[in-house]
PDB file of all heavy atoms in Angstrom:
ATOM      1  N   ALA A   1      -0.005  11.866  -9.494  1.00  0.00           N
ATOM      2  CA  ALA A   1       1.377  12.342  -9.348  1.00  0.00           C
ATOM      3  C   ALA A   1       1.464  13.449  -8.311  1.00  0.00           C
ATOM      4  O   ALA A   1       2.390  13.494  -7.511  1.00  0.00           O
ATOM      5  CB  ALA A   1       1.898  12.839 -10.699  1.00  0.00           C
ATOM      6  N   ARG A   2       0.446  14.360  -8.318  1.00  0.00           N
ATOM      7  CA  ARG A   2       0.462  15.441  -7.330  1.00  0.00           C
ATOM      8  C   ARG A   2       0.311  14.897  -5.919  1.00  0.00           C
ATOM      9  O   ARG A   2       0.962  15.340  -4.986  1.00  0.00           O
ATOM     10  CB  ARG A   2      -0.654  16.446  -7.635  1.00  0.00           C
ATOM     11  CG  ARG A   2      -0.374  17.338  -8.836  1.00  0.00           C
ATOM     12  CD  ARG A   2      -1.284  18.550  -8.830  1.00  0.00           C
ATOM     13  NE  ARG A   2      -2.682  18.185  -8.896  1.00  0.00           N
ATOM     14  CZ  ARG A   2      -3.361  18.045 -10.037  1.00  0.00           C
ATOM     15  NH1 ARG A   2      -2.747  18.229 -11.197  1.00  0.00           N
ATOM     16  NH2 ARG A   2      -4.636  17.730 -10.022  1.00  0.00           N
ATOM     17  N   LYS A   3      -0.562  13.887  -5.754  1.00  0.00           N
ATOM     18  CA  LYS A   3      -0.746  13.291  -4.427  1.00  0.00           C
ATOM     19  C   LYS A   3       0.526  12.614  -3.945  1.00  0.00           C
ATOM     20  O   LYS A   3       0.925  12.743  -2.796  1.00  0.00           O
ATOM     21  CB  LYS A   3      -1.905  12.287  -4.467  1.00  0.00           C
ATOM     22  CG  LYS A   3      -3.262  12.938  -4.612  1.00  0.00           C
ATOM     23  CD  LYS A   3      -4.367  11.895  -4.700  1.00  0.00           C
ATOM     24  CE  LYS A   3      -4.558  11.218  -3.363  1.00  0.00           C
ATOM     25  NZ  LYS A   3      -5.622  10.202  -3.401  1.00  0.00           N
ATOM     26  N   LEU A   4       1.185  11.888  -4.851  1.00  0.00           N
ATOM     27  CA  LEU A   4       2.438  11.226  -4.471  1.00  0.00           C
ATOM     28  C   LEU A   4       3.513  12.243  -4.124  1.00  0.00           C
ATOM     29  O   LEU A   4       4.314  12.040  -3.221  1.00  0.00           O
ATOM     30  CB  LEU A   4       2.911  10.308  -5.584  1.00  0.00           C
ATOM     31  CG  LEU A   4       2.214   8.945  -5.622  1.00  0.00           C
ATOM     32  CD1 LEU A   4       2.544   8.221  -6.914  1.00  0.00           C
ATOM     33  CD2 LEU A   4       2.597   8.107  -4.427  1.00  0.00           C
ATOM     34  N   ALA A   5       3.525  13.364  -4.862  1.00  0.00           N
ATOM     35  CA  ALA A   5       4.521  14.400  -4.565  1.00  0.00           C
ATOM     36  C   ALA A   5       4.319  14.963  -3.167  1.00  0.00           C
ATOM     37  O   ALA A   5       5.269  15.233  -2.450  1.00  0.00           O
ATOM     38  CB  ALA A   5       4.435  15.524  -5.610  1.00  0.00           C
ATOM     39  N   ARG A   6       3.033  15.123  -2.753  1.00  0.00           N
ATOM     40  CA  ARG A   6       2.788  15.583  -1.388  1.00  0.00           C
ATOM     41  C   ARG A   6       3.294  14.570  -0.373  1.00  0.00           C
ATOM     42  O   ARG A   6       3.823  14.912   0.668  1.00  0.00           O
ATOM     43  CB  ARG A   6       1.290  15.846  -1.182  1.00  0.00           C
ATOM     44  CG  ARG A   6       0.782  17.069  -1.930  1.00  0.00           C
ATOM     45  CD  ARG A   6      -0.539  17.544  -1.339  1.00  0.00           C
ATOM     46  NE  ARG A   6      -1.605  16.554  -1.464  1.00  0.00           N
ATOM     47  CZ  ARG A   6      -2.414  16.462  -2.516  1.00  0.00           C
ATOM     48  NH1 ARG A   6      -2.247  17.269  -3.560  1.00  0.00           N
ATOM     49  NH2 ARG A   6      -3.378  15.560  -2.530  1.00  0.00           N
ATOM     50  N   GLY A   7       3.124  13.278  -0.712  1.00  0.00           N
ATOM     51  CA  GLY A   7       3.630  12.243   0.175  1.00  0.00           C
ATOM     52  C   GLY A   7       5.137  12.280   0.301  1.00  0.00           C
ATOM     53  O   GLY A   7       5.697  12.068   1.374  1.00  0.00           O
ATOM     54  N   VAL A   8       5.835  12.556  -0.807  1.00  0.00           N
ATOM     55  CA  VAL A   8       7.297  12.687  -0.776  1.00  0.00           C
ATOM     56  C   VAL A   8       7.695  13.803   0.166  1.00  0.00           C
ATOM     57  O   VAL A   8       8.611  13.667   0.977  1.00  0.00           O
ATOM     58  CB  VAL A   8       7.835  12.979  -2.192  1.00  0.00           C
ATOM     59  CG1 VAL A   8       9.328  13.246  -2.143  1.00  0.00           C
ATOM     60  CG2 VAL A   8       7.548  11.806  -3.110  1.00  0.00           C
ATOM     61  N   LEU A   9       6.996  14.934   0.072  1.00  0.00           N
ATOM     62  CA  LEU A   9       7.319  16.061   0.946  1.00  0.00           C
ATOM     63  C   LEU A   9       7.125  15.678   2.405  1.00  0.00           C
ATOM     64  O   LEU A   9       7.955  16.003   3.252  1.00  0.00           O
ATOM     65  CB  LEU A   9       6.426  17.255   0.592  1.00  0.00           C
ATOM     66  CG  LEU A   9       6.574  18.493   1.493  1.00  0.00           C
ATOM     67  CD1 LEU A   9       8.006  19.006   1.447  1.00  0.00           C
ATOM     68  CD2 LEU A   9       5.591  19.570   1.077  1.00  0.00           C
ATOM     69  N   ALA A  10       6.039  14.957   2.701  1.00  0.00           N
ATOM     70  CA  ALA A  10       5.799  14.539   4.083  1.00  0.00           C
ATOM     71  C   ALA A  10       6.928  13.677   4.599  1.00  0.00           C
ATOM     72  O   ALA A  10       7.420  13.861   5.703  1.00  0.00           O
ATOM     73  CB  ALA A  10       4.467  13.785   4.175  1.00  0.00           C
ATOM     74  N   THR A  11       7.368  12.707   3.789  1.00  0.00           N
ATOM     75  CA  THR A  11       8.455  11.826   4.204  1.00  0.00           C
ATOM     76  C   THR A  11       9.749  12.606   4.374  1.00  0.00           C
ATOM     77  O   THR A  11      10.493  12.405   5.327  1.00  0.00           O
ATOM     78  CB  THR A  11       8.650  10.707   3.174  1.00  0.00           C
ATOM     79  OG1 THR A  11       7.420   9.997   3.057  1.00  0.00           O
ATOM     80  CG2 THR A  11       9.739   9.745   3.614  1.00  0.00           C
ATOM     81  N   ALA A  12      10.028  13.516   3.451  1.00  0.00           N
ATOM     82  CA  ALA A  12      11.251  14.319   3.555  1.00  0.00           C
ATOM     83  C   ALA A  12      11.250  15.142   4.832  1.00  0.00           C
ATOM     84  O   ALA A  12      12.279  15.293   5.485  1.00  0.00           O
ATOM     85  CB  ALA A  12      11.368  15.226   2.326  1.00  0.00           C
ATOM     86  N   LEU A  13      10.087  15.682   5.211  1.00  0.00           N
ATOM     87  CA  LEU A  13      10.006  16.460   6.434  1.00  0.00           C
ATOM     88  C   LEU A  13      10.294  15.614   7.656  1.00  0.00           C
ATOM     89  O   LEU A  13      10.957  16.056   8.590  1.00  0.00           O
ATOM     90  CB  LEU A  13       8.621  17.096   6.554  1.00  0.00           C
ATOM     91  CG  LEU A  13       8.329  18.269   5.607  1.00  0.00           C
ATOM     92  CD1 LEU A  13       6.863  18.654   5.701  1.00  0.00           C
ATOM     93  CD2 LEU A  13       9.224  19.454   5.906  1.00  0.00           C
ATOM     94  N   VAL A  14       9.795  14.370   7.662  1.00  0.00           N
ATOM     95  CA  VAL A  14      10.062  13.487   8.794  1.00  0.00           C
ATOM     96  C   VAL A  14      11.548  13.209   8.905  1.00  0.00           C
ATOM     97  O   VAL A  14      12.132  13.252   9.983  1.00  0.00           O
ATOM     98  CB  VAL A  14       9.276  12.174   8.653  1.00  0.00           C
ATOM     99  CG1 VAL A  14       9.665  11.195   9.747  1.00  0.00           C
ATOM    100  CG2 VAL A  14       7.782  12.447   8.732  1.00  0.00           C
ATOM    101  N   LEU A  15      12.198  12.925   7.785  1.00  0.00           N
ATOM    102  CA  LEU A  15      13.634  12.664   7.803  1.00  0.00           C
ATOM    103  C   LEU A  15      14.395  13.889   8.274  1.00  0.00           C
ATOM    104  O   LEU A  15      15.338  13.793   9.055  1.00  0.00           O
ATOM    105  CB  LEU A  15      14.099  12.245   6.408  1.00  0.00           C
ATOM    106  CG  LEU A  15      13.594  10.872   5.947  1.00  0.00           C
ATOM    107  CD1 LEU A  15      13.785  10.729   4.445  1.00  0.00           C
ATOM    108  CD2 LEU A  15      14.319   9.762   6.668  1.00  0.00           C
ATOM    109  N   ALA A  16      13.984  15.061   7.811  1.00  0.00           N
ATOM    110  CA  ALA A  16      14.660  16.281   8.236  1.00  0.00           C
ATOM    111  C   ALA A  16      14.477  16.517   9.718  1.00  0.00           C
ATOM    112  O   ALA A  16      15.389  16.955  10.418  1.00  0.00           O
ATOM    113  CB  ALA A  16      14.128  17.471   7.435  1.00  0.00           C
ATOM    114  N   ALA A  17      13.276  16.222  10.221  1.00  0.00           N
ATOM    115  CA  ALA A  17      13.041  16.409  11.654  1.00  0.00           C
ATOM    116  C   ALA A  17      13.934  15.513  12.481  1.00  0.00           C
ATOM    117  O   ALA A  17      14.443  15.914  13.523  1.00  0.00           O
ATOM    118  CB  ALA A  17      11.575  16.126  11.984  1.00  0.00           C
ATOM    119  N   ALA A  18      14.152  14.286  12.034  1.00  0.00           N
ATOM    120  CA  ALA A  18      15.052  13.386  12.752  1.00  0.00           C
ATOM    121  C   ALA A  18      16.455  13.961  12.789  1.00  0.00           C
ATOM    122  O   ALA A  18      17.184  13.800  13.766  1.00  0.00           O
ATOM    123  CB  ALA A  18      15.051  12.012  12.097  1.00  0.00           C
ATOM    124  N   ALA A  19      16.850  14.641  11.728  1.00  0.00           N
ATOM    125  CA  ALA A  19      18.206  15.182  11.657  1.00  0.00           C
ATOM    126  C   ALA A  19      18.428  16.295  12.678  1.00  0.00           C
ATOM    127  O   ALA A  19      19.508  16.419  13.234  1.00  0.00           O
ATOM    128  CB  ALA A  19      18.480  15.709  10.242  1.00  0.00           C
ATOM    129  N   VAL A  20      17.418  17.119  12.908  1.00  0.00           N
ATOM    130  CA  VAL A  20      17.639  18.261  13.789  1.00  0.00           C
ATOM    131  C   VAL A  20      16.939  18.122  15.128  1.00  0.00           C
ATOM    132  O   VAL A  20      17.130  18.928  16.021  1.00  0.00           O
ATOM    133  CB  VAL A  20      17.201  19.578  13.090  1.00  0.00           C
ATOM    134  CG1 VAL A  20      18.038  19.831  11.870  1.00  0.00           C
ATOM    135  CG2 VAL A  20      15.720  19.531  12.736  1.00  0.00           C
ATOM    136  N   GLY A  21      16.111  17.085  15.285  1.00  0.00           N
ATOM    137  CA  GLY A  21      15.539  16.787  16.586  1.00  0.00           C
ATOM    138  C   GLY A  21      14.395  17.680  17.006  1.00  0.00           C
ATOM    139  O   GLY A  21      14.263  18.019  18.165  1.00  0.00           O
ATOM    140  N   PHE A  22      13.514  18.102  16.051  1.00  0.00           N
ATOM    141  CA  PHE A  22      12.341  18.855  16.473  1.00  0.00           C
ATOM    142  C   PHE A  22      11.095  18.225  15.870  1.00  0.00           C
ATOM    143  O   PHE A  22      11.162  17.517  14.889  1.00  0.00           O
ATOM    144  CB  PHE A  22      12.437  20.330  16.070  1.00  0.00           C
ATOM    145  CG  PHE A  22      12.566  20.559  14.590  1.00  0.00           C
ATOM    146  CD1 PHE A  22      11.457  20.559  13.771  1.00  0.00           C
ATOM    147  CD2 PHE A  22      13.811  20.791  14.044  1.00  0.00           C
ATOM    148  CE1 PHE A  22      11.587  20.787  12.417  1.00  0.00           C
ATOM    149  CE2 PHE A  22      13.944  21.012  12.676  1.00  0.00           C
ATOM    150  CZ  PHE A  22      12.841  21.010  11.863  1.00  0.00           C
ATOM    151  N   ALA A  23       9.940  18.508  16.500  1.00  0.00           N
ATOM    152  CA  ALA A  23       8.679  17.934  16.025  1.00  0.00           C
ATOM    153  C   ALA A  23       8.225  18.636  14.759  1.00  0.00           C
ATOM    154  O   ALA A  23       8.579  19.777  14.491  1.00  0.00           O
ATOM    155  CB  ALA A  23       7.615  18.061  17.113  1.00  0.00           C
ATOM    156  N   LEU A  24       7.389  17.941  13.978  1.00  0.00           N
ATOM    157  CA  LEU A  24       6.934  18.470  12.703  1.00  0.00           C
ATOM    158  C   LEU A  24       5.681  19.311  12.858  1.00  0.00           C
ATOM    159  O   LEU A  24       4.907  19.142  13.778  1.00  0.00           O
ATOM    160  CB  LEU A  24       6.605  17.303  11.749  1.00  0.00           C
ATOM    161  CG  LEU A  24       7.780  16.397  11.401  1.00  0.00           C
ATOM    162  CD1 LEU A  24       7.284  15.245  10.561  1.00  0.00           C
ATOM    163  CD2 LEU A  24       8.826  17.170  10.657  1.00  0.00           C
ATOM    164  N   GLY A  25       5.462  20.187  11.887  1.00  0.00           N
ATOM    165  CA  GLY A  25       4.200  20.909  11.812  1.00  0.00           C
ATOM    166  C   GLY A  25       3.130  20.056  11.149  1.00  0.00           C
ATOM    167  O   GLY A  25       3.394  18.982  10.638  1.00  0.00           O
ATOM    168  N   THR A  26       1.905  20.560  11.134  1.00  0.00           N
ATOM    169  CA  THR A  26       0.780  19.808  10.585  1.00  0.00           C
ATOM    170  C   THR A  26       0.867  19.763   9.063  1.00  0.00           C
ATOM    171  O   THR A  26       1.132  20.752   8.417  1.00  0.00           O
ATOM    172  CB  THR A  26      -0.540  20.488  10.984  1.00  0.00           C
ATOM    173  OG1 THR A  26      -0.580  20.581  12.391  1.00  0.00           O
ATOM    174  CG2 THR A  26      -1.737  19.692  10.485  1.00  0.00           C
ATOM    175  N   ALA A  27       0.612  18.590   8.497  1.00  0.00           N
ATOM    176  CA  ALA A  27       0.446  18.473   7.053  1.00  0.00           C
ATOM    177  C   ALA A  27      -1.025  18.735   6.750  1.00  0.00           C
ATOM    178  O   ALA A  27      -1.892  17.941   7.087  1.00  0.00           O
ATOM    179  CB  ALA A  27       0.850  17.080   6.582  1.00  0.00           C
ATOM    180  N   ARG A  28      -1.343  19.853   6.119  1.00  0.00           N
ATOM    181  CA  ARG A  28      -2.735  20.243   5.938  1.00  0.00           C
ATOM    182  C   ARG A  28      -3.388  19.484   4.793  1.00  0.00           C
ATOM    183  O   ARG A  28      -4.609  19.349   4.763  1.00  0.00           O
ATOM    184  CB  ARG A  28      -2.830  21.754   5.681  1.00  0.00           C
ATOM    185  CG  ARG A  28      -2.358  22.557   6.875  1.00  0.00           C
ATOM    186  CD  ARG A  28      -2.592  24.038   6.677  1.00  0.00           C
ATOM    187  NE  ARG A  28      -2.118  24.780   7.833  1.00  0.00           N
ATOM    188  CZ  ARG A  28      -2.823  24.968   8.928  1.00  0.00           C
ATOM    189  NH1 ARG A  28      -4.019  24.442   9.022  1.00  0.00           N
ATOM    190  NH2 ARG A  28      -2.331  25.659   9.932  1.00  0.00           N
ATOM    191  N   GLN A  29      -2.615  19.021   3.825  1.00  0.00           N
ATOM    192  CA  GLN A  29      -3.180  18.237   2.750  1.00  0.00           C
ATOM    193  C   GLN A  29      -2.895  16.768   3.002  1.00  0.00           C
ATOM    194  O   GLN A  29      -1.812  16.408   3.423  1.00  0.00           O
ATOM    195  CB  GLN A  29      -2.565  18.656   1.403  1.00  0.00           C
ATOM    196  CG  GLN A  29      -2.966  20.064   1.003  1.00  0.00           C
ATOM    197  CD  GLN A  29      -2.305  20.455  -0.274  1.00  0.00           C
ATOM    198  OE1 GLN A  29      -1.098  20.314  -0.419  1.00  0.00           O
ATOM    199  NE2 GLN A  29      -3.087  20.943  -1.217  1.00  0.00           N
ATOM    200  N   ARG A  30      -3.867  15.919   2.710  1.00  0.00           N
ATOM    201  CA  ARG A  30      -3.721  14.508   3.011  1.00  0.00           C
ATOM    202  C   ARG A  30      -2.842  13.831   1.969  1.00  0.00           C
ATOM    203  O   ARG A  30      -3.159  13.825   0.788  1.00  0.00           O
ATOM    204  CB  ARG A  30      -5.087  13.837   3.007  1.00  0.00           C
ATOM    205  CG  ARG A  30      -5.010  12.374   3.386  1.00  0.00           C
ATOM    206  CD  ARG A  30      -6.357  11.728   3.266  1.00  0.00           C
ATOM    207  NE  ARG A  30      -6.275  10.319   3.559  1.00  0.00           N
ATOM    208  CZ  ARG A  30      -7.274   9.476   3.385  1.00  0.00           C
ATOM    209  NH1 ARG A  30      -8.423   9.908   2.907  1.00  0.00           N
ATOM    210  NH2 ARG A  30      -7.137   8.206   3.668  1.00  0.00           N
ATOM    211  N   PRO A  31      -1.686  13.256   2.368  1.00  0.00           N
ATOM    212  CA  PRO A  31      -0.841  12.553   1.430  1.00  0.00           C
ATOM    213  C   PRO A  31      -1.377  11.158   1.182  1.00  0.00           C
ATOM    214  O   PRO A  31      -2.346  10.732   1.811  1.00  0.00           O
ATOM    215  CB  PRO A  31       0.511  12.492   2.147  1.00  0.00           C
ATOM    216  CG  PRO A  31       0.140  12.503   3.588  1.00  0.00           C
ATOM    217  CD  PRO A  31      -1.132  13.290   3.711  1.00  0.00           C
ATOM    218  N   PRO A  32      -0.785  10.388   0.248  1.00  0.00           N
ATOM    219  CA  PRO A  32      -1.235   9.031   0.023  1.00  0.00           C
ATOM    220  C   PRO A  32      -1.135   8.198   1.289  1.00  0.00           C
ATOM    221  O   PRO A  32      -0.335   8.470   2.180  1.00  0.00           O
ATOM    222  CB  PRO A  32      -0.260   8.510  -1.054  1.00  0.00           C
ATOM    223  CG  PRO A  32       0.330   9.716  -1.659  1.00  0.00           C
ATOM    224  CD  PRO A  32       0.314  10.785  -0.610  1.00  0.00           C
TER     225      PRO A  32
END
């Protein structure tokens, strides 16, 4: 569940980046 939650955060960040048009920072923990 914790690993999947990290994956959710990664996806949410990508969607947010598309909304404002900037590149993402590094995800330091490996998501699923």
